[in-house]
Amino acid sequence: SAKYGVLSVKPLGVLWGLYPDHYSPANTIMFDDLSRNFLMNPKSGLKIRPCRGMTNPENRAQDVELRGLTEYLRLIKEEPDLSALDHSEWERALRRAARRGDRDQQ
């Protein structure tokens, strides 16, 4: 728009259109620290915390975001349609699953 200018987004629809036999909203999640990147496919976006200072090995050792995301993916791996989930609640879903003992113990 004239007010905001050009906005860069990540249109997953292009991927889904190119490879419809493999990818769709039902089996795709995009992780990003900028929610604006999900504008064209909001149900497929999962907002994560920014990754800063990862060139420092000490900082990498303290980062737990990817570990949590791994557990979330394990938790939802059998879901038939990932776009039906509220990915903004991923950490809460992990806590609920841990209380129930649902987590995949791989």
PDB file of N, CA and C in Angstrom:
ATOM      1  N   SER A   1       0.837  -1.184   0.000  1.00  0.00           N
ATOM      2  CA  SER A   1       0.000   0.000   0.000  1.00  0.00           C
ATOM      3  C   SER A   1       0.877   1.240   0.000  1.00  0.00           C
ATOM      4  N   ALA A   2       0.290   2.357  -0.275  1.00  0.00           N
ATOM      5  CA  ALA A   2       1.036   3.611  -0.273  1.00  0.00           C
ATOM      6  C   ALA A   2       1.541   3.935   1.126  1.00  0.00           C
ATOM      7  N   LYS A   3       0.780   3.569   2.126  1.00  0.00           N
ATOM      8  CA  LYS A   3       1.155   3.872   3.509  1.00  0.00           C
ATOM      9  C   LYS A   3       2.292   2.987   4.018  1.00  0.00           C
ATOM     10  N   TYR A   4       2.230   1.688   3.717  1.00  0.00           N
ATOM     11  CA  TYR A   4       3.194   0.741   4.277  1.00  0.00           C
ATOM     12  C   TYR A   4       4.260   0.263   3.294  1.00  0.00           C
ATOM     13  N   GLY A   5       4.081   0.497   2.020  1.00  0.00           N
ATOM     14  CA  GLY A   5       5.063   0.056   1.039  1.00  0.00           C
ATOM     15  C   GLY A   5       4.920  -1.423   0.730  1.00  0.00           C
ATOM     16  N   VAL A   6       5.976  -1.980   0.163  1.00  0.00           N
ATOM     17  CA  VAL A   6       5.983  -3.390  -0.204  1.00  0.00           C
ATOM     18  C   VAL A   6       6.338  -4.223   1.018  1.00  0.00           C
ATOM     19  N   LEU A   7       5.633  -5.300   1.182  1.00  0.00           N
ATOM     20  CA  LEU A   7       5.848  -6.185   2.318  1.00  0.00           C
ATOM     21  C   LEU A   7       6.287  -7.545   1.798  1.00  0.00           C
ATOM     22  N   SER A   8       7.385  -8.042   2.310  1.00  0.00           N
ATOM     23  CA  SER A   8       7.859  -9.374   1.917  1.00  0.00           C
ATOM     24  C   SER A   8       7.189 -10.421   2.798  1.00  0.00           C
ATOM     25  N   VAL A   9       6.651 -11.442   2.167  1.00  0.00           N
ATOM     26  CA  VAL A   9       6.031 -12.550   2.881  1.00  0.00           C
ATOM     27  C   VAL A   9       6.552 -13.853   2.289  1.00  0.00           C
ATOM     28  N   LYS A  10       6.204 -14.950   2.916  1.00  0.00           N
ATOM     29  CA  LYS A  10       6.616 -16.270   2.431  1.00  0.00           C
ATOM     30  C   LYS A  10       5.360 -17.011   1.980  1.00  0.00           C
ATOM     31  N   PRO A  11       5.052 -16.961   0.696  1.00  0.00           N
ATOM     32  CA  PRO A  11       3.815 -17.571   0.194  1.00  0.00           C
ATOM     33  C   PRO A  11       3.931 -19.085   0.017  1.00  0.00           C
ATOM     34  N   LEU A  12       3.492 -19.817   1.006  1.00  0.00           N
ATOM     35  CA  LEU A  12       3.556 -21.274   0.923  1.00  0.00           C
ATOM     36  C   LEU A  12       2.691 -21.813  -0.205  1.00  0.00           C
ATOM     37  N   GLY A  13       1.707 -21.036  -0.652  1.00  0.00           N
ATOM     38  CA  GLY A  13       0.864 -21.465  -1.759  1.00  0.00           C
ATOM     39  C   GLY A  13       1.657 -21.793  -3.010  1.00  0.00           C
ATOM     40  N   VAL A  14       2.786 -21.128  -3.191  1.00  0.00           N
ATOM     41  CA  VAL A  14       3.646 -21.433  -4.336  1.00  0.00           C
ATOM     42  C   VAL A  14       4.185 -22.859  -4.209  1.00  0.00           C
ATOM     43  N   LEU A  15       4.685 -23.193  -3.051  1.00  0.00           N
ATOM     44  CA  LEU A  15       5.182 -24.556  -2.794  1.00  0.00           C
ATOM     45  C   LEU A  15       4.065 -25.580  -2.967  1.00  0.00           C
ATOM     46  N   TRP A  16       2.901 -25.264  -2.398  1.00  0.00           N
ATOM     47  CA  TRP A  16       1.773 -26.185  -2.506  1.00  0.00           C
ATOM     48  C   TRP A  16       1.341 -26.360  -3.955  1.00  0.00           C
ATOM     49  N   GLY A  17       1.418 -25.276  -4.743  1.00  0.00           N
ATOM     50  CA  GLY A  17       1.045 -25.354  -6.154  1.00  0.00           C
ATOM     51  C   GLY A  17       2.043 -26.141  -6.988  1.00  0.00           C
ATOM     52  N   LEU A  18       3.328 -25.997  -6.671  1.00  0.00           N
ATOM     53  CA  LEU A  18       4.369 -26.708  -7.417  1.00  0.00           C
ATOM     54  C   LEU A  18       4.419 -28.198  -7.095  1.00  0.00           C
ATOM     55  N   TYR A  19       4.125 -28.550  -5.871  1.00  0.00           N
ATOM     56  CA  TYR A  19       4.252 -29.939  -5.419  1.00  0.00           C
ATOM     57  C   TYR A  19       2.986 -30.408  -4.704  1.00  0.00           C
ATOM     58  N   PRO A  20       1.846 -30.374  -5.385  1.00  0.00           N
ATOM     59  CA  PRO A  20       0.579 -30.700  -4.715  1.00  0.00           C
ATOM     60  C   PRO A  20       0.477 -32.145  -4.228  1.00  0.00           C
ATOM     61  N   ASP A  21       1.262 -33.036  -4.791  1.00  0.00           N
ATOM     62  CA  ASP A  21       1.227 -34.426  -4.340  1.00  0.00           C
ATOM     63  C   ASP A  21       2.005 -34.645  -3.049  1.00  0.00           C
ATOM     64  N   HIS A  22       2.791 -33.648  -2.665  1.00  0.00           N
ATOM     65  CA  HIS A  22       3.637 -33.791  -1.477  1.00  0.00           C
ATOM     66  C   HIS A  22       3.318 -32.796  -0.367  1.00  0.00           C
ATOM     67  N   TYR A  23       2.967 -31.560  -0.740  1.00  0.00           N
ATOM     68  CA  TYR A  23       2.799 -30.508   0.260  1.00  0.00           C
ATOM     69  C   TYR A  23       1.443 -29.838   0.140  1.00  0.00           C
ATOM     70  N   SER A  24       0.884 -29.493   1.305  1.00  0.00           N
ATOM     71  CA  SER A  24      -0.411 -28.819   1.369  1.00  0.00           C
ATOM     72  C   SER A  24      -0.510 -28.124   2.729  1.00  0.00           C
ATOM     73  N   PRO A  25      -1.541 -27.325   2.942  1.00  0.00           N
ATOM     74  CA  PRO A  25      -1.722 -26.730   4.271  1.00  0.00           C
ATOM     75  C   PRO A  25      -1.874 -27.788   5.367  1.00  0.00           C
ATOM     76  N   ALA A  26      -2.330 -28.964   4.997  1.00  0.00           N
ATOM     77  CA  ALA A  26      -2.544 -30.022   5.985  1.00  0.00           C
ATOM     78  C   ALA A  26      -1.249 -30.598   6.535  1.00  0.00           C
ATOM     79  N   ASN A  27      -0.132 -30.458   5.791  1.00  0.00           N
ATOM     80  CA  ASN A  27       1.115 -31.077   6.263  1.00  0.00           C
ATOM     81  C   ASN A  27       2.298 -30.107   6.323  1.00  0.00           C
ATOM     82  N   THR A  28       2.014 -28.808   6.363  1.00  0.00           N
ATOM     83  CA  THR A  28       3.098 -27.818   6.341  1.00  0.00           C
ATOM     84  C   THR A  28       2.982 -26.848   7.503  1.00  0.00           C
ATOM     85  N   ILE A  29       4.103 -26.641   8.191  1.00  0.00           N
ATOM     86  CA  ILE A  29       4.210 -25.600   9.213  1.00  0.00           C
ATOM     87  C   ILE A  29       5.465 -24.793   8.891  1.00  0.00           C
ATOM     88  N   MET A  30       5.347 -23.488   8.974  1.00  0.00           N
ATOM     89  CA  MET A  30       6.496 -22.615   8.766  1.00  0.00           C
ATOM     90  C   MET A  30       6.819 -21.935  10.095  1.00  0.00           C
ATOM     91  N   PHE A  31       8.065 -22.064  10.535  1.00  0.00           N
ATOM     92  CA  PHE A  31       8.534 -21.379  11.742  1.00  0.00           C
ATOM     93  C   PHE A  31       9.170 -20.067  11.338  1.00  0.00           C
ATOM     94  N   ASP A  32       8.846 -18.999  12.037  1.00  0.00           N
ATOM     95  CA  ASP A  32       9.467 -17.704  11.769  1.00  0.00           C
ATOM     96  C   ASP A  32       9.281 -16.822  12.988  1.00  0.00           C
ATOM     97  N   ASP A  33      10.215 -15.895  13.175  1.00  0.00           N
ATOM     98  CA  ASP A  33      10.078 -14.964  14.288  1.00  0.00           C
ATOM     99  C   ASP A  33       9.316 -13.700  13.880  1.00  0.00           C
ATOM    100  N   LEU A  34       8.940 -13.596  12.617  1.00  0.00           N
ATOM    101  CA  LEU A  34       8.167 -12.456  12.128  1.00  0.00           C
ATOM    102  C   LEU A  34       6.793 -12.933  11.675  1.00  0.00           C
ATOM    103  N   SER A  35       5.774 -12.589  12.432  1.00  0.00           N
ATOM    104  CA  SER A  35       4.434 -13.070  12.095  1.00  0.00           C
ATOM    105  C   SER A  35       3.936 -12.512  10.767  1.00  0.00           C
ATOM    106  N   ARG A  36       4.477 -11.400  10.309  1.00  0.00           N
ATOM    107  CA  ARG A  36       4.048 -10.869   9.014  1.00  0.00           C
ATOM    108  C   ARG A  36       4.368 -11.832   7.875  1.00  0.00           C
ATOM    109  N   ASN A  37       5.331 -12.715   8.071  1.00  0.00           N
ATOM    110  CA  ASN A  37       5.653 -13.698   7.035  1.00  0.00           C
ATOM    111  C   ASN A  37       4.546 -14.731   6.850  1.00  0.00           C
ATOM    112  N   PHE A  38       3.586 -14.759   7.763  1.00  0.00           N
ATOM    113  CA  PHE A  38       2.473 -15.698   7.676  1.00  0.00           C
ATOM    114  C   PHE A  38       1.221 -15.065   7.079  1.00  0.00           C
ATOM    115  N   LEU A  39       1.298 -13.841   6.599  1.00  0.00           N
ATOM    116  CA  LEU A  39       0.103 -13.138   6.130  1.00  0.00           C
ATOM    117  C   LEU A  39      -0.683 -13.919   5.085  1.00  0.00           C
ATOM    118  N   MET A  40      -0.016 -14.596   4.198  1.00  0.00           N
ATOM    119  CA  MET A  40      -0.707 -15.316   3.129  1.00  0.00           C
ATOM    120  C   MET A  40      -1.144 -16.718   3.546  1.00  0.00           C
ATOM    121  N   ASN A  41      -0.635 -17.214   4.647  1.00  0.00           N
ATOM    122  CA  ASN A  41      -0.984 -18.553   5.122  1.00  0.00           C
ATOM    123  C   ASN A  41      -0.917 -18.594   6.649  1.00  0.00           C
ATOM    124  N   PRO A  42      -1.802 -17.837   7.306  1.00  0.00           N
ATOM    125  CA  PRO A  42      -1.707 -17.711   8.771  1.00  0.00           C
ATOM    126  C   PRO A  42      -1.893 -19.013   9.541  1.00  0.00           C
ATOM    127  N   LYS A  43      -2.650 -19.952   9.033  1.00  0.00           N
ATOM    128  CA  LYS A  43      -2.875 -21.209   9.762  1.00  0.00           C
ATOM    129  C   LYS A  43      -1.693 -22.160   9.667  1.00  0.00           C
ATOM    130  N   SER A  44      -0.720 -21.819   8.827  1.00  0.00           N
ATOM    131  CA  SER A  44       0.463 -22.661   8.672  1.00  0.00           C
ATOM    132  C   SER A  44       1.690 -22.059   9.330  1.00  0.00           C
ATOM    133  N   GLY A  45       1.516 -20.953  10.030  1.00  0.00           N
ATOM    134  CA  GLY A  45       2.648 -20.284  10.652  1.00  0.00           C
ATOM    135  C   GLY A  45       2.730 -20.520  12.145  1.00  0.00           C
ATOM    136  N   LEU A  46       3.939 -20.704  12.622  1.00  0.00           N
ATOM    137  CA  LEU A  46       4.194 -20.842  14.048  1.00  0.00           C
ATOM    138  C   LEU A  46       5.275 -19.833  14.402  1.00  0.00           C
ATOM    139  N   LYS A  47       4.897 -18.842  15.218  1.00  0.00           N
ATOM    140  CA  LYS A  47       5.838 -17.784  15.574  1.00  0.00           C
ATOM    141  C   LYS A  47       6.770 -18.271  16.679  1.00  0.00           C
ATOM    142  N   ILE A  48       8.056 -18.079  16.442  1.00  0.00           N
ATOM    143  CA  ILE A  48       9.072 -18.473  17.418  1.00  0.00           C
ATOM    144  C   ILE A  48       9.801 -17.230  17.917  1.00  0.00           C
ATOM    145  N   ARG A  49      10.535 -17.394  18.983  1.00  0.00           N
ATOM    146  CA  ARG A  49      11.357 -16.293  19.498  1.00  0.00           C
ATOM    147  C   ARG A  49      12.550 -16.083  18.569  1.00  0.00           C
ATOM    148  N   PRO A  50      12.986 -14.837  18.430  1.00  0.00           N
ATOM    149  CA  PRO A  50      14.156 -14.581  17.573  1.00  0.00           C
ATOM    150  C   PRO A  50      15.384 -15.318  18.085  1.00  0.00           C
ATOM    151  N   CYS A  51      16.188 -15.762  17.171  1.00  0.00           N
ATOM    152  CA  CYS A  51      17.423 -16.475  17.472  1.00  0.00           C
ATOM    153  C   CYS A  51      18.565 -15.461  17.374  1.00  0.00           C
ATOM    154  N   ARG A  52      19.121 -15.075  18.483  1.00  0.00           N
ATOM    155  CA  ARG A  52      20.164 -14.059  18.484  1.00  0.00           C
ATOM    156  C   ARG A  52      21.453 -14.613  19.095  1.00  0.00           C
ATOM    157  N   GLY A  53      22.561 -14.185  18.555  1.00  0.00           N
ATOM    158  CA  GLY A  53      23.854 -14.548  19.117  1.00  0.00           C
ATOM    159  C   GLY A  53      24.214 -16.012  19.000  1.00  0.00           C
ATOM    160  N   MET A  54      23.710 -16.691  18.007  1.00  0.00           N
ATOM    161  CA  MET A  54      23.961 -18.124  17.895  1.00  0.00           C
ATOM    162  C   MET A  54      25.354 -18.456  17.359  1.00  0.00           C
ATOM    163  N   THR A  55      26.133 -17.450  17.002  1.00  0.00           N
ATOM    164  CA  THR A  55      27.508 -17.731  16.609  1.00  0.00           C
ATOM    165  C   THR A  55      28.361 -18.044  17.830  1.00  0.00           C
ATOM    166  N   ASN A  56      27.878 -17.682  18.993  1.00  0.00           N
ATOM    167  CA  ASN A  56      28.553 -17.963  20.249  1.00  0.00           C
ATOM    168  C   ASN A  56      28.084 -19.327  20.767  1.00  0.00           C
ATOM    169  N   PRO A  57      29.009 -20.294  20.910  1.00  0.00           N
ATOM    170  CA  PRO A  57      28.618 -21.636  21.364  1.00  0.00           C
ATOM    171  C   PRO A  57      27.889 -21.646  22.700  1.00  0.00           C
ATOM    172  N   GLU A  58      28.216 -20.741  23.611  1.00  0.00           N
ATOM    173  CA  GLU A  58      27.537 -20.698  24.903  1.00  0.00           C
ATOM    174  C   GLU A  58      26.064 -20.342  24.738  1.00  0.00           C
ATOM    175  N   ASN A  59      25.771 -19.437  23.811  1.00  0.00           N
ATOM    176  CA  ASN A  59      24.382 -19.066  23.558  1.00  0.00           C
ATOM    177  C   ASN A  59      23.613 -20.226  22.938  1.00  0.00           C
ATOM    178  N   ARG A  60      24.250 -20.955  22.038  1.00  0.00           N
ATOM    179  CA  ARG A  60      23.584 -22.102  21.405  1.00  0.00           C
ATOM    180  C   ARG A  60      23.209 -23.148  22.444  1.00  0.00           C
ATOM    181  N   ALA A  61      24.061 -23.349  23.414  1.00  0.00           N
ATOM    182  CA  ALA A  61      23.796 -24.354  24.443  1.00  0.00           C
ATOM    183  C   ALA A  61      22.595 -23.970  25.309  1.00  0.00           C
ATOM    184  N   GLN A  62      22.332 -22.672  25.433  1.00  0.00           N
ATOM    185  CA  GLN A  62      21.225 -22.207  26.268  1.00  0.00           C
ATOM    186  C   GLN A  62      19.900 -22.107  25.513  1.00  0.00           C
ATOM    187  N   ASP A  63      19.935 -22.222  24.201  1.00  0.00           N
ATOM    188  CA  ASP A  63      18.721 -22.107  23.400  1.00  0.00           C
ATOM    189  C   ASP A  63      17.874 -23.363  23.555  1.00  0.00           C
ATOM    190  N   VAL A  64      16.655 -23.207  24.003  1.00  0.00           N
ATOM    191  CA  VAL A  64      15.767 -24.352  24.181  1.00  0.00           C
ATOM    192  C   VAL A  64      14.577 -24.315  23.229  1.00  0.00           C
ATOM    193  N   GLU A  65      14.473 -23.271  22.426  1.00  0.00           N
ATOM    194  CA  GLU A  65      13.338 -23.127  21.515  1.00  0.00           C
ATOM    195  C   GLU A  65      13.224 -24.312  20.555  1.00  0.00           C
ATOM    196  N   LEU A  66      14.334 -24.688  19.933  1.00  0.00           N
ATOM    197  CA  LEU A  66      14.279 -25.795  18.972  1.00  0.00           C
ATOM    198  C   LEU A  66      13.958 -27.123  19.641  1.00  0.00           C
ATOM    199  N   ARG A  67      14.412 -27.296  20.867  1.00  0.00           N
ATOM    200  CA  ARG A  67      14.064 -28.533  21.588  1.00  0.00           C
ATOM    201  C   ARG A  67      12.563 -28.611  21.829  1.00  0.00           C
ATOM    202  N   GLY A  68      11.980 -27.489  22.226  1.00  0.00           N
ATOM    203  CA  GLY A  68      10.543 -27.454  22.444  1.00  0.00           C
ATOM    204  C   GLY A  68       9.770 -27.674  21.159  1.00  0.00           C
ATOM    205  N   LEU A  69      10.241 -27.068  20.074  1.00  0.00           N
ATOM    206  CA  LEU A  69       9.581 -27.255  18.780  1.00  0.00           C
ATOM    207  C   LEU A  69       9.654 -28.709  18.324  1.00  0.00           C
ATOM    208  N   THR A  70      10.765 -29.359  18.612  1.00  0.00           N
ATOM    209  CA  THR A  70      10.897 -30.779  18.290  1.00  0.00           C
ATOM    210  C   THR A  70       9.832 -31.589  19.029  1.00  0.00           C
ATOM    211  N   GLU A  71       9.649 -31.292  20.302  1.00  0.00           N
ATOM    212  CA  GLU A  71       8.636 -32.000  21.087  1.00  0.00           C
ATOM    213  C   GLU A  71       7.237 -31.715  20.552  1.00  0.00           C
ATOM    214  N   TYR A  72       6.997 -30.468  20.139  1.00  0.00           N
ATOM    215  CA  TYR A  72       5.684 -30.125  19.578  1.00  0.00           C
ATOM    216  C   TYR A  72       5.429 -30.899  18.290  1.00  0.00           C
ATOM    217  N   LEU A  73       6.424 -30.971  17.426  1.00  0.00           N
ATOM    218  CA  LEU A  73       6.259 -31.720  16.185  1.00  0.00           C
ATOM    219  C   LEU A  73       6.007 -33.197  16.456  1.00  0.00           C
ATOM    220  N   ARG A  74       6.669 -33.737  17.451  1.00  0.00           N
ATOM    221  CA  ARG A  74       6.413 -35.136  17.825  1.00  0.00           C
ATOM    222  C   ARG A  74       4.980 -35.305  18.324  1.00  0.00           C
ATOM    223  N   LEU A  75       4.503 -34.316  19.067  1.00  0.00           N
ATOM    224  CA  LEU A  75       3.161 -34.370  19.628  1.00  0.00           C
ATOM    225  C   LEU A  75       2.086 -34.350  18.538  1.00  0.00           C
ATOM    226  N   ILE A  76       2.306 -33.580  17.474  1.00  0.00           N
ATOM    227  CA  ILE A  76       1.272 -33.401  16.444  1.00  0.00           C
ATOM    228  C   ILE A  76       1.504 -34.228  15.186  1.00  0.00           C
ATOM    229  N   LYS A  77       2.509 -35.076  15.182  1.00  0.00           N
ATOM    230  CA  LYS A  77       2.905 -35.773  13.951  1.00  0.00           C
ATOM    231  C   LYS A  77       1.798 -36.630  13.333  1.00  0.00           C
ATOM    232  N   GLU A  78       0.848 -37.094  14.100  1.00  0.00           N
ATOM    233  CA  GLU A  78      -0.227 -37.932  13.580  1.00  0.00           C
ATOM    234  C   GLU A  78      -1.487 -37.141  13.244  1.00  0.00           C
ATOM    235  N   GLU A  79      -1.462 -35.841  13.462  1.00  0.00           N
ATOM    236  CA  GLU A  79      -2.642 -35.019  13.158  1.00  0.00           C
ATOM    237  C   GLU A  79      -2.900 -35.027  11.654  1.00  0.00           C
ATOM    238  N   PRO A  80      -4.144 -35.237  11.227  1.00  0.00           N
ATOM    239  CA  PRO A  80      -4.432 -35.298   9.795  1.00  0.00           C
ATOM    240  C   PRO A  80      -4.363 -33.941   9.095  1.00  0.00           C
ATOM    241  N   ASP A  81      -4.576 -32.842   9.831  1.00  0.00           N
ATOM    242  CA  ASP A  81      -4.575 -31.519   9.216  1.00  0.00           C
ATOM    243  C   ASP A  81      -3.936 -30.515  10.168  1.00  0.00           C
ATOM    244  N   LEU A  82      -2.678 -30.190   9.914  1.00  0.00           N
ATOM    245  CA  LEU A  82      -1.945 -29.269  10.791  1.00  0.00           C
ATOM    246  C   LEU A  82      -2.512 -27.859  10.761  1.00  0.00           C
ATOM    247  N   SER A  83      -3.184 -27.506   9.669  1.00  0.00           N
ATOM    248  CA  SER A  83      -3.747 -26.158   9.587  1.00  0.00           C
ATOM    249  C   SER A  83      -4.973 -25.997  10.485  1.00  0.00           C
ATOM    250  N   ALA A  84      -5.498 -27.091  11.016  1.00  0.00           N
ATOM    251  CA  ALA A  84      -6.635 -27.017  11.933  1.00  0.00           C
ATOM    252  C   ALA A  84      -6.195 -26.723  13.367  1.00  0.00           C
ATOM    253  N   LEU A  85      -4.898 -26.775  13.625  1.00  0.00           N
ATOM    254  CA  LEU A  85      -4.370 -26.528  14.969  1.00  0.00           C
ATOM    255  C   LEU A  85      -4.074 -25.056  15.178  1.00  0.00           C
ATOM    256  N   ASP A  86      -4.111 -24.631  16.432  1.00  0.00           N
ATOM    257  CA  ASP A  86      -3.725 -23.262  16.795  1.00  0.00           C
ATOM    258  C   ASP A  86      -2.270 -23.298  17.235  1.00  0.00           C
ATOM    259  N   HIS A  87      -1.370 -23.055  16.295  1.00  0.00           N
ATOM    260  CA  HIS A  87       0.060 -23.155  16.590  1.00  0.00           C
ATOM    261  C   HIS A  87       0.551 -22.070  17.554  1.00  0.00           C
ATOM    262  N   SER A  88      -0.236 -21.018  17.734  1.00  0.00           N
ATOM    263  CA  SER A  88       0.174 -19.994  18.697  1.00  0.00           C
ATOM    264  C   SER A  88       0.132 -20.538  20.124  1.00  0.00           C
ATOM    265  N   GLU A  89      -0.522 -21.666  20.303  1.00  0.00           N
ATOM    266  CA  GLU A  89      -0.644 -22.303  21.614  1.00  0.00           C
ATOM    267  C   GLU A  89       0.291 -23.501  21.772  1.00  0.00           C
ATOM    268  N   TRP A  90       1.359 -23.559  20.979  1.00  0.00           N
ATOM    269  CA  TRP A  90       2.202 -24.751  20.965  1.00  0.00           C
ATOM    270  C   TRP A  90       2.843 -25.046  22.322  1.00  0.00           C
ATOM    271  N   GLU A  91       3.275 -24.020  23.029  1.00  0.00           N
ATOM    272  CA  GLU A  91       3.906 -24.270  24.338  1.00  0.00           C
ATOM    273  C   GLU A  91       2.882 -24.749  25.359  1.00  0.00           C
ATOM    274  N   ARG A  92       1.698 -24.210  25.303  1.00  0.00           N
ATOM    275  CA  ARG A  92       0.625 -24.657  26.193  1.00  0.00           C
ATOM    276  C   ARG A  92       0.254 -26.105  25.883  1.00  0.00           C
ATOM    277  N   ALA A  93       0.209 -26.459  24.608  1.00  0.00           N
ATOM    278  CA  ALA A  93      -0.093 -27.839  24.214  1.00  0.00           C
ATOM    279  C   ALA A  93       0.955 -28.800  24.778  1.00  0.00           C
ATOM    280  N   LEU A  94       2.216 -28.383  24.782  1.00  0.00           N
ATOM    281  CA  LEU A  94       3.272 -29.230  25.357  1.00  0.00           C
ATOM    282  C   LEU A  94       3.076 -29.419  26.852  1.00  0.00           C
ATOM    283  N   ARG A  95       2.731 -28.351  27.549  1.00  0.00           N
ATOM    284  CA  ARG A  95       2.514 -28.458  29.004  1.00  0.00           C
ATOM    285  C   ARG A  95       1.334 -29.389  29.306  1.00  0.00           C
ATOM    286  N   ARG A  96       0.250 -29.254  28.539  1.00  0.00           N
ATOM    287  CA  ARG A  96      -0.914 -30.134  28.748  1.00  0.00           C
ATOM    288  C   ARG A  96      -0.545 -31.590  28.476  1.00  0.00           C
ATOM    289  N   ALA A  97       0.196 -31.812  27.406  1.00  0.00           N
ATOM    290  CA  ALA A  97       0.593 -33.183  27.060  1.00  0.00           C
ATOM    291  C   ALA A  97       1.502 -33.765  28.128  1.00  0.00           C
ATOM    292  N   ALA A  98       2.394 -32.949  28.672  1.00  0.00           N
ATOM    293  CA  ALA A  98       3.299 -33.431  29.715  1.00  0.00           C
ATOM    294  C   ALA A  98       2.515 -33.823  30.966  1.00  0.00           C
ATOM    295  N   ARG A  99       1.503 -33.041  31.296  1.00  0.00           N
ATOM    296  CA  ARG A  99       0.680 -33.380  32.465  1.00  0.00           C
ATOM    297  C   ARG A  99      -0.085 -34.685  32.250  1.00  0.00           C
ATOM    298  N   ARG A 100      -0.505 -34.918  31.008  1.00  0.00           N
ATOM    299  CA  ARG A 100      -1.251 -36.143  30.690  1.00  0.00           C
ATOM    300  C   ARG A 100      -0.329 -37.325  30.417  1.00  0.00           C
ATOM    301  N   GLY A 101       0.947 -37.046  30.195  1.00  0.00           N
ATOM    302  CA  GLY A 101       1.880 -38.106  29.853  1.00  0.00           C
ATOM    303  C   GLY A 101       1.809 -38.505  28.391  1.00  0.00           C
ATOM    304  N   ASP A 102       1.345 -37.582  27.516  1.00  0.00           N
ATOM    305  CA  ASP A 102       1.141 -37.893  26.102  1.00  0.00           C
ATOM    306  C   ASP A 102       2.398 -37.783  25.256  1.00  0.00           C
ATOM    307  N   ARG A 103       3.431 -37.163  25.734  1.00  0.00           N
ATOM    308  CA  ARG A 103       4.577 -36.887  24.873  1.00  0.00           C
ATOM    309  C   ARG A 103       5.208 -38.143  24.348  1.00  0.00           C
ATOM    310  N   ASP A 104       5.601 -38.085  23.103  1.00  0.00           N
ATOM    311  CA  ASP A 104       6.332 -39.183  22.463  1.00  0.00           C
ATOM    312  C   ASP A 104       7.685 -39.285  23.149  1.00  0.00           C
ATOM    313  N   GLN A 105       8.032 -40.407  23.647  1.00  0.00           N
ATOM    314  CA  GLN A 105       9.279 -40.578  24.401  1.00  0.00           C
ATOM    315  C   GLN A 105      10.430 -41.058  23.542  1.00  0.00           C
ATOM    316  N   GLN A 106      10.605 -40.469  22.380  1.00  0.00           N
ATOM    317  CA  GLN A 106      11.718 -40.864  21.485  1.00  0.00           C
ATOM    318  C   GLN A 106      12.980 -40.167  21.861  1.00  0.00           C
TER     319      GLN A 106
END
